């Protein structure tokens, strides 16, 4: 998924921050979790959202080449950047 996102022009960090976000798009504050059978810890999700992060989670069983997820991530990155810019202007 990181490679597919990279091919879409997105730059990310791996295991980022105190919550070790598996794939983090820092500037746009988008956190991506790839889940087996579990869910993102509700406390982690809540804390990230309090800090204006958008949390996306994908089931590992649904990820093949990551291309579909990269398209969704790109849209989320663009949208969250708009939201963050609006908040900054206020």
PDB file of N, CA and C in Angstrom:
ATOM      1  N   UNK A   1       0.820  -1.175   0.000  1.00  0.00           N
ATOM      2  CA  UNK A   1       0.000   0.000   0.000  1.00  0.00           C
ATOM      3  C   UNK A   1       0.875   1.255   0.000  1.00  0.00           C
ATOM      4  N   UNK A   2       1.995   1.206   0.731  1.00  0.00           N
ATOM      5  CA  UNK A   2       2.896   2.364   0.744  1.00  0.00           C
ATOM      6  C   UNK A   2       3.450   2.615  -0.648  1.00  0.00           C
ATOM      7  N   UNK A   3       3.826   1.570  -1.341  1.00  0.00           N
ATOM      8  CA  UNK A   3       4.372   1.722  -2.691  1.00  0.00           C
ATOM      9  C   UNK A   3       3.322   2.260  -3.661  1.00  0.00           C
ATOM     10  N   UNK A   4       2.117   1.751  -3.569  1.00  0.00           N
ATOM     11  CA  UNK A   4       1.039   2.227  -4.440  1.00  0.00           C
ATOM     12  C   UNK A   4       0.745   3.698  -4.154  1.00  0.00           C
ATOM     13  N   UNK A   5       0.796   4.102  -2.900  1.00  0.00           N
ATOM     14  CA  UNK A   5       0.585   5.506  -2.545  1.00  0.00           C
ATOM     15  C   UNK A   5       1.733   6.361  -3.068  1.00  0.00           C
ATOM     16  N   UNK A   6       2.948   5.848  -2.949  1.00  0.00           N
ATOM     17  CA  UNK A   6       4.122   6.547  -3.471  1.00  0.00           C
ATOM     18  C   UNK A   6       3.960   6.789  -4.969  1.00  0.00           C
ATOM     19  N   UNK A   7       3.467   5.782  -5.675  1.00  0.00           N
ATOM     20  CA  UNK A   7       3.259   5.914  -7.123  1.00  0.00           C
ATOM     21  C   UNK A   7       2.187   6.949  -7.459  1.00  0.00           C
ATOM     22  N   UNK A   8       1.331   7.268  -6.505  1.00  0.00           N
ATOM     23  CA  UNK A   8       0.306   8.299  -6.691  1.00  0.00           C
ATOM     24  C   UNK A   8       0.824   9.683  -6.291  1.00  0.00           C
ATOM     25  N   UNK A   9       2.097   9.755  -5.905  1.00  0.00           N
ATOM     26  CA  UNK A   9       2.699  11.032  -5.531  1.00  0.00           C
ATOM     27  C   UNK A   9       2.575  11.369  -4.057  1.00  0.00           C
ATOM     28  N   UNK A  10       2.170  10.415  -3.245  1.00  0.00           N
ATOM     29  CA  UNK A  10       2.005  10.643  -1.810  1.00  0.00           C
ATOM     30  C   UNK A  10       3.232  10.154  -1.056  1.00  0.00           C
ATOM     31  N   UNK A  11       3.670  10.924  -0.097  1.00  0.00           N
ATOM     32  CA  UNK A  11       4.820  10.539   0.712  1.00  0.00           C
ATOM     33  C   UNK A  11       4.354  10.252   2.129  1.00  0.00           C
ATOM     34  N   UNK A  12       4.840   9.151   2.679  1.00  0.00           N
ATOM     35  CA  UNK A  12       4.361   8.733   3.996  1.00  0.00           C
ATOM     36  C   UNK A  12       5.518   8.293   4.876  1.00  0.00           C
ATOM     37  N   UNK A  13       5.185   8.121   6.132  1.00  0.00           N
ATOM     38  CA  UNK A  13       6.134   7.590   7.104  1.00  0.00           C
ATOM     39  C   UNK A  13       5.590   6.284   7.659  1.00  0.00           C
ATOM     40  N   UNK A  14       6.505   5.437   8.060  1.00  0.00           N
ATOM     41  CA  UNK A  14       6.150   4.117   8.582  1.00  0.00           C
ATOM     42  C   UNK A  14       6.313   4.124  10.105  1.00  0.00           C
ATOM     43  N   UNK A  15       5.377   3.513  10.807  1.00  0.00           N
ATOM     44  CA  UNK A  15       5.416   3.405  12.278  1.00  0.00           C
ATOM     45  C   UNK A  15       5.656   4.771  12.923  1.00  0.00           C
ATOM     46  N   UNK A  16       4.814   5.716  12.585  1.00  0.00           N
ATOM     47  CA  UNK A  16       4.999   7.114  12.973  1.00  0.00           C
ATOM     48  C   UNK A  16       4.385   7.453  14.332  1.00  0.00           C
ATOM     49  N   UNK A  17       5.092   8.247  15.087  1.00  0.00           N
ATOM     50  CA  UNK A  17       4.577   8.843  16.308  1.00  0.00           C
ATOM     51  C   UNK A  17       4.422   7.907  17.485  1.00  0.00           C
ATOM     52  N   UNK A  18       3.838   8.430  18.555  1.00  0.00           N
ATOM     53  CA  UNK A  18       3.703   7.646  19.789  1.00  0.00           C
ATOM     54  C   UNK A  18       2.760   6.457  19.658  1.00  0.00           C
ATOM     55  N   UNK A  19       1.894   6.475  18.642  1.00  0.00           N
ATOM     56  CA  UNK A  19       0.965   5.356  18.451  1.00  0.00           C
ATOM     57  C   UNK A  19       1.464   4.390  17.385  1.00  0.00           C
ATOM     58  N   UNK A  20       2.668   4.621  16.879  1.00  0.00           N
ATOM     59  CA  UNK A  20       3.265   3.769  15.845  1.00  0.00           C
ATOM     60  C   UNK A  20       2.288   3.531  14.698  1.00  0.00           C
ATOM     61  N   UNK A  21       1.779   4.616  14.138  1.00  0.00           N
ATOM     62  CA  UNK A  21       0.852   4.525  13.010  1.00  0.00           C
ATOM     63  C   UNK A  21       1.569   3.818  11.863  1.00  0.00           C
ATOM     64  N   UNK A  22       1.025   2.699  11.388  1.00  0.00           N
ATOM     65  CA  UNK A  22       1.710   1.916  10.357  1.00  0.00           C
ATOM     66  C   UNK A  22       2.056   2.719   9.098  1.00  0.00           C
ATOM     67  N   UNK A  23       1.100   3.498   8.597  1.00  0.00           N
ATOM     68  CA  UNK A  23       1.344   4.352   7.434  1.00  0.00           C
ATOM     69  C   UNK A  23       0.749   5.717   7.764  1.00  0.00           C
ATOM     70  N   UNK A  24       1.622   6.726   7.856  1.00  0.00           N
ATOM     71  CA  UNK A  24       1.172   8.060   8.244  1.00  0.00           C
ATOM     72  C   UNK A  24       1.522   9.073   7.167  1.00  0.00           C
ATOM     73  N   UNK A  25       0.537   9.827   6.767  1.00  0.00           N
ATOM     74  CA  UNK A  25       0.726  10.940   5.845  1.00  0.00           C
ATOM     75  C   UNK A  25       0.699  12.182   6.726  1.00  0.00           C
ATOM     76  N   UNK A  26       1.879  12.624   7.121  1.00  0.00           N
ATOM     77  CA  UNK A  26       2.032  13.581   8.205  1.00  0.00           C
ATOM     78  C   UNK A  26       1.448  14.952   7.875  1.00  0.00           C
ATOM     79  N   UNK A  27       1.784  15.508   6.727  1.00  0.00           N
ATOM     80  CA  UNK A  27       1.324  16.853   6.395  1.00  0.00           C
ATOM     81  C   UNK A  27      -0.203  16.937   6.373  1.00  0.00           C
ATOM     82  N   UNK A  28      -0.838  15.922   5.823  1.00  0.00           N
ATOM     83  CA  UNK A  28      -2.299  15.925   5.728  1.00  0.00           C
ATOM     84  C   UNK A  28      -2.973  15.268   6.929  1.00  0.00           C
ATOM     85  N   UNK A  29      -2.182  14.720   7.828  1.00  0.00           N
ATOM     86  CA  UNK A  29      -2.684  14.062   9.035  1.00  0.00           C
ATOM     87  C   UNK A  29      -3.671  12.938   8.712  1.00  0.00           C
ATOM     88  N   UNK A  30      -3.228  12.008   7.900  1.00  0.00           N
ATOM     89  CA  UNK A  30      -4.019  10.820   7.586  1.00  0.00           C
ATOM     90  C   UNK A  30      -3.256   9.600   8.104  1.00  0.00           C
ATOM     91  N   UNK A  31      -3.899   8.841   8.964  1.00  0.00           N
ATOM     92  CA  UNK A  31      -3.306   7.633   9.542  1.00  0.00           C
ATOM     93  C   UNK A  31      -3.984   6.413   8.924  1.00  0.00           C
ATOM     94  N   UNK A  32      -3.167   5.472   8.445  1.00  0.00           N
ATOM     95  CA  UNK A  32      -3.699   4.271   7.797  1.00  0.00           C
ATOM     96  C   UNK A  32      -3.278   3.041   8.601  1.00  0.00           C
ATOM     97  N   UNK A  33      -4.264   2.249   8.966  1.00  0.00           N
ATOM     98  CA  UNK A  33      -4.020   1.003   9.678  1.00  0.00           C
ATOM     99  C   UNK A  33      -4.464  -0.151   8.799  1.00  0.00           C
ATOM    100  N   UNK A  34      -3.643  -1.202   8.759  1.00  0.00           N
ATOM    101  CA  UNK A  34      -3.988  -2.421   8.033  1.00  0.00           C
ATOM    102  C   UNK A  34      -4.264  -3.475   9.096  1.00  0.00           C
ATOM    103  N   UNK A  35      -5.487  -3.960   9.096  1.00  0.00           N
ATOM    104  CA  UNK A  35      -5.940  -4.816  10.179  1.00  0.00           C
ATOM    105  C   UNK A  35      -6.084  -6.264   9.748  1.00  0.00           C
ATOM    106  N   UNK A  36      -5.745  -7.147  10.662  1.00  0.00           N
ATOM    107  CA  UNK A  36      -6.014  -8.561  10.443  1.00  0.00           C
ATOM    108  C   UNK A  36      -7.484  -8.802  10.725  1.00  0.00           C
ATOM    109  N   UNK A  37      -7.775  -9.348  11.891  1.00  0.00           N
ATOM    110  CA  UNK A  37      -9.165  -9.577  12.299  1.00  0.00           C
ATOM    111  C   UNK A  37      -9.636  -8.565  13.335  1.00  0.00           C
ATOM    112  N   UNK A  38      -8.732  -7.735  13.806  1.00  0.00           N
ATOM    113  CA  UNK A  38      -9.066  -6.816  14.893  1.00  0.00           C
ATOM    114  C   UNK A  38      -9.530  -5.460  14.405  1.00  0.00           C
ATOM    115  N   UNK A  39      -9.500  -4.527  15.327  1.00  0.00           N
ATOM    116  CA  UNK A  39      -9.864  -3.140  15.037  1.00  0.00           C
ATOM    117  C   UNK A  39      -8.789  -2.231  15.620  1.00  0.00           C
ATOM    118  N   UNK A  40      -8.806  -0.986  15.168  1.00  0.00           N
ATOM    119  CA  UNK A  40      -7.902   0.003  15.743  1.00  0.00           C
ATOM    120  C   UNK A  40      -8.357   0.268  17.174  1.00  0.00           C
ATOM    121  N   UNK A  41      -7.411   0.289  18.093  1.00  0.00           N
ATOM    122  CA  UNK A  41      -7.720   0.570  19.489  1.00  0.00           C
ATOM    123  C   UNK A  41      -8.544   1.858  19.560  1.00  0.00           C
ATOM    124  N   UNK A  42      -9.735   1.785  20.156  1.00  0.00           N
ATOM    125  CA  UNK A  42     -10.606   2.972  20.206  1.00  0.00           C
ATOM    126  C   UNK A  42      -9.939   4.187  20.853  1.00  0.00           C
ATOM    127  N   UNK A  43      -9.099   3.951  21.835  1.00  0.00           N
ATOM    128  CA  UNK A  43      -8.401   5.060  22.494  1.00  0.00           C
ATOM    129  C   UNK A  43      -7.409   5.727  21.544  1.00  0.00           C
ATOM    130  N   UNK A  44      -6.695   4.916  20.777  1.00  0.00           N
ATOM    131  CA  UNK A  44      -5.752   5.452  19.792  1.00  0.00           C
ATOM    132  C   UNK A  44      -6.507   6.249  18.737  1.00  0.00           C
ATOM    133  N   UNK A  45      -7.593   5.682  18.237  1.00  0.00           N
ATOM    134  CA  UNK A  45      -8.407   6.372  17.221  1.00  0.00           C
ATOM    135  C   UNK A  45      -8.900   7.718  17.760  1.00  0.00           C
ATOM    136  N   UNK A  46      -9.421   7.705  18.978  1.00  0.00           N
ATOM    137  CA  UNK A  46      -9.951   8.925  19.578  1.00  0.00           C
ATOM    138  C   UNK A  46      -8.864   9.984  19.758  1.00  0.00           C
ATOM    139  N   UNK A  47      -7.702   9.570  20.244  1.00  0.00           N
ATOM    140  CA  UNK A  47      -6.608  10.523  20.448  1.00  0.00           C
ATOM    141  C   UNK A  47      -6.111  11.108  19.133  1.00  0.00           C
ATOM    142  N   UNK A  48      -6.013  10.289  18.108  1.00  0.00           N
ATOM    143  CA  UNK A  48      -5.599  10.799  16.798  1.00  0.00           C
ATOM    144  C   UNK A  48      -6.633  11.782  16.256  1.00  0.00           C
ATOM    145  N   UNK A  49      -7.898  11.451  16.382  1.00  0.00           N
ATOM    146  CA  UNK A  49      -8.956  12.321  15.875  1.00  0.00           C
ATOM    147  C   UNK A  49      -9.003  13.642  16.637  1.00  0.00           C
ATOM    148  N   UNK A  50      -8.686  13.627  17.916  1.00  0.00           N
ATOM    149  CA  UNK A  50      -8.629  14.865  18.695  1.00  0.00           C
ATOM    150  C   UNK A  50      -7.548  15.802  18.142  1.00  0.00           C
ATOM    151  N   UNK A  51      -6.509  15.205  17.594  1.00  0.00           N
ATOM    152  CA  UNK A  51      -5.406  15.981  17.012  1.00  0.00           C
ATOM    153  C   UNK A  51      -5.606  16.219  15.518  1.00  0.00           C
ATOM    154  N   UNK A  52      -6.850  16.121  15.055  1.00  0.00           N
ATOM    155  CA  UNK A  52      -7.230  16.392  13.656  1.00  0.00           C
ATOM    156  C   UNK A  52      -6.737  15.360  12.648  1.00  0.00           C
ATOM    157  N   UNK A  53      -6.400  14.165  13.103  1.00  0.00           N
ATOM    158  CA  UNK A  53      -6.000  13.107  12.184  1.00  0.00           C
ATOM    159  C   UNK A  53      -7.252  12.410  11.656  1.00  0.00           C
ATOM    160  N   UNK A  54      -7.201  12.052  10.393  1.00  0.00           N
ATOM    161  CA  UNK A  54      -8.233  11.223   9.783  1.00  0.00           C
ATOM    162  C   UNK A  54      -7.710   9.793   9.818  1.00  0.00           C
ATOM    163  N   UNK A  55      -8.469   8.884  10.396  1.00  0.00           N
ATOM    164  CA  UNK A  55      -8.033   7.495  10.565  1.00  0.00           C
ATOM    165  C   UNK A  55      -8.740   6.611   9.548  1.00  0.00           C
ATOM    166  N   UNK A  56      -7.942   5.940   8.721  1.00  0.00           N
ATOM    167  CA  UNK A  56      -8.468   4.974   7.761  1.00  0.00           C
ATOM    168  C   UNK A  56      -7.986   3.592   8.174  1.00  0.00           C
ATOM    169  N   UNK A  57      -8.851   2.609   8.050  1.00  0.00           N
ATOM    170  CA  UNK A  57      -8.403   1.244   8.308  1.00  0.00           C
ATOM    171  C   UNK A  57      -8.909   0.330   7.203  1.00  0.00           C
ATOM    172  N   UNK A  58      -8.016  -0.555   6.794  1.00  0.00           N
ATOM    173  CA  UNK A  58      -8.314  -1.508   5.732  1.00  0.00           C
ATOM    174  C   UNK A  58      -8.055  -2.911   6.251  1.00  0.00           C
ATOM    175  N   UNK A  59      -8.919  -3.830   5.877  1.00  0.00           N
ATOM    176  CA  UNK A  59      -8.702  -5.230   6.249  1.00  0.00           C
ATOM    177  C   UNK A  59      -7.612  -5.822   5.361  1.00  0.00           C
ATOM    178  N   UNK A  60      -6.686  -6.510   5.978  1.00  0.00           N
ATOM    179  CA  UNK A  60      -5.566  -7.099   5.245  1.00  0.00           C
ATOM    180  C   UNK A  60      -6.062  -8.058   4.162  1.00  0.00           C
ATOM    181  N   UNK A  61      -7.148  -8.755   4.433  1.00  0.00           N
ATOM    182  CA  UNK A  61      -7.662  -9.720   3.469  1.00  0.00           C
ATOM    183  C   UNK A  61      -8.198  -9.055   2.202  1.00  0.00           C
ATOM    184  N   UNK A  62      -8.518  -7.749   2.270  1.00  0.00           N
ATOM    185  CA  UNK A  62      -9.031  -7.025   1.106  1.00  0.00           C
ATOM    186  C   UNK A  62      -7.943  -6.332   0.288  1.00  0.00           C
ATOM    187  N   UNK A  63      -6.716  -6.343   0.795  1.00  0.00           N
ATOM    188  CA  UNK A  63      -5.628  -5.648   0.118  1.00  0.00           C
ATOM    189  C   UNK A  63      -4.891  -6.621  -0.795  1.00  0.00           C
ATOM    190  N   UNK A  64      -4.833  -6.277  -2.084  1.00  0.00           N
ATOM    191  CA  UNK A  64      -4.062  -7.097  -3.022  1.00  0.00           C
ATOM    192  C   UNK A  64      -2.805  -6.330  -3.420  1.00  0.00           C
ATOM    193  N   UNK A  65      -2.917  -5.478  -4.429  1.00  0.00           N
ATOM    194  CA  UNK A  65      -1.760  -4.683  -4.836  1.00  0.00           C
ATOM    195  C   UNK A  65      -1.760  -3.300  -4.199  1.00  0.00           C
ATOM    196  N   UNK A  66      -2.789  -2.966  -3.460  1.00  0.00           N
ATOM    197  CA  UNK A  66      -2.875  -1.686  -2.767  1.00  0.00           C
ATOM    198  C   UNK A  66      -3.344  -0.540  -3.638  1.00  0.00           C
ATOM    199  N   UNK A  67      -3.609  -0.822  -4.897  1.00  0.00           N
ATOM    200  CA  UNK A  67      -3.986   0.242  -5.834  1.00  0.00           C
ATOM    201  C   UNK A  67      -5.331   0.877  -5.459  1.00  0.00           C
ATOM    202  N   UNK A  68      -6.329   0.065  -5.161  1.00  0.00           N
ATOM    203  CA  UNK A  68      -7.642   0.600  -4.777  1.00  0.00           C
ATOM    204  C   UNK A  68      -7.540   1.414  -3.496  1.00  0.00           C
ATOM    205  N   UNK A  69      -6.761   0.916  -2.550  1.00  0.00           N
ATOM    206  CA  UNK A  69      -6.594   1.625  -1.293  1.00  0.00           C
ATOM    207  C   UNK A  69      -5.839   2.942  -1.500  1.00  0.00           C
ATOM    208  N   UNK A  70      -4.864   2.935  -2.397  1.00  0.00           N
ATOM    209  CA  UNK A  70      -4.107   4.160  -2.675  1.00  0.00           C
ATOM    210  C   UNK A  70      -5.003   5.249  -3.245  1.00  0.00           C
ATOM    211  N   UNK A  71      -5.962   4.858  -4.064  1.00  0.00           N
ATOM    212  CA  UNK A  71      -6.922   5.834  -4.609  1.00  0.00           C
ATOM    213  C   UNK A  71      -7.759   6.428  -3.475  1.00  0.00           C
ATOM    214  N   UNK A  72      -8.226   5.582  -2.568  1.00  0.00           N
ATOM    215  CA  UNK A  72      -9.006   6.053  -1.419  1.00  0.00           C
ATOM    216  C   UNK A  72      -8.156   6.934  -0.504  1.00  0.00           C
ATOM    217  N   UNK A  73      -6.914   6.548  -0.303  1.00  0.00           N
ATOM    218  CA  UNK A  73      -6.011   7.328   0.547  1.00  0.00           C
ATOM    219  C   UNK A  73      -5.748   8.692  -0.079  1.00  0.00           C
ATOM    220  N   UNK A  74      -5.524   8.719  -1.377  1.00  0.00           N
ATOM    221  CA  UNK A  74      -5.261   9.991  -2.057  1.00  0.00           C
ATOM    222  C   UNK A  74      -6.447  10.948  -1.890  1.00  0.00           C
ATOM    223  N   UNK A  75      -7.653  10.433  -2.039  1.00  0.00           N
ATOM    224  CA  UNK A  75      -8.845  11.264  -1.859  1.00  0.00           C
ATOM    225  C   UNK A  75      -8.935  11.767  -0.418  1.00  0.00           C
ATOM    226  N   UNK A  76      -8.623  10.910   0.536  1.00  0.00           N
ATOM    227  CA  UNK A  76      -8.672  11.297   1.947  1.00  0.00           C
ATOM    228  C   UNK A  76      -7.617  12.350   2.266  1.00  0.00           C
ATOM    229  N   UNK A  77      -6.435  12.201   1.695  1.00  0.00           N
ATOM    230  CA  UNK A  77      -5.360  13.172   1.904  1.00  0.00           C
ATOM    231  C   UNK A  77      -5.782  14.541   1.379  1.00  0.00           C
ATOM    232  N   UNK A  78      -6.319  14.571   0.163  1.00  0.00           N
ATOM    233  CA  UNK A  78      -6.757  15.839  -0.421  1.00  0.00           C
ATOM    234  C   UNK A  78      -7.849  16.484   0.426  1.00  0.00           C
ATOM    235  N   UNK A  79      -8.819  15.695   0.843  1.00  0.00           N
ATOM    236  CA  UNK A  79      -9.935  16.222   1.625  1.00  0.00           C
ATOM    237  C   UNK A  79      -9.469  16.735   2.986  1.00  0.00           C
ATOM    238  N   UNK A  80      -8.609  15.968   3.671  1.00  0.00           N
ATOM    239  CA  UNK A  80      -8.169  16.396   4.994  1.00  0.00           C
ATOM    240  C   UNK A  80      -7.278  17.630   4.911  1.00  0.00           C
ATOM    241  N   UNK A  81      -6.505  17.766   3.842  1.00  0.00           N
ATOM    242  CA  UNK A  81      -5.721  18.991   3.667  1.00  0.00           C
ATOM    243  C   UNK A  81      -6.630  20.211   3.566  1.00  0.00           C
ATOM    244  N   UNK A  82      -7.737  20.081   2.846  1.00  0.00           N
ATOM    245  CA  UNK A  82      -8.700  21.181   2.735  1.00  0.00           C
ATOM    246  C   UNK A  82      -9.270  21.534   4.106  1.00  0.00           C
ATOM    247  N   UNK A  83      -9.641  20.515   4.861  1.00  0.00           N
ATOM    248  CA  UNK A  83     -10.223  20.727   6.189  1.00  0.00           C
ATOM    249  C   UNK A  83      -9.203  21.421   7.098  1.00  0.00           C
ATOM    250  N   UNK A  84      -7.953  20.964   7.076  1.00  0.00           N
ATOM    251  CA  UNK A  84      -6.921  21.549   7.918  1.00  0.00           C
ATOM    252  C   UNK A  84      -6.637  22.999   7.540  1.00  0.00           C
ATOM    253  N   UNK A  85      -6.641  23.293   6.252  1.00  0.00           N
ATOM    254  CA  UNK A  85      -6.428  24.679   5.796  1.00  0.00           C
ATOM    255  C   UNK A  85      -7.554  25.591   6.285  1.00  0.00           C
ATOM    256  N   UNK A  86      -8.801  25.106   6.216  1.00  0.00           N
ATOM    257  CA  UNK A  86      -9.937  25.903   6.685  1.00  0.00           C
ATOM    258  C   UNK A  86      -9.823  26.177   8.182  1.00  0.00           C
ATOM    259  N   UNK A  87      -9.422  25.156   8.954  1.00  0.00           N
ATOM    260  CA  UNK A  87      -9.267  25.334  10.402  1.00  0.00           C
ATOM    261  C   UNK A  87      -8.169  26.339  10.704  1.00  0.00           C
ATOM    262  N   UNK A  88      -7.101  26.292   9.915  1.00  0.00           N
ATOM    263  CA  UNK A  88      -5.967  27.177  10.143  1.00  0.00           C
ATOM    264  C   UNK A  88      -6.348  28.626   9.876  1.00  0.00           C
ATOM    265  N   UNK A  89      -7.203  28.863   8.883  1.00  0.00           N
ATOM    266  CA  UNK A  89      -7.618  30.214   8.538  1.00  0.00           C
ATOM    267  C   UNK A  89      -8.499  30.847   9.609  1.00  0.00           C
ATOM    268  N   UNK A  90      -9.234  30.010  10.331  1.00  0.00           N
ATOM    269  CA  UNK A  90     -10.165  30.526  11.348  1.00  0.00           C
ATOM    270  C   UNK A  90      -9.451  31.033  12.537  1.00  0.00           C
TER     271      UNK A  90
END
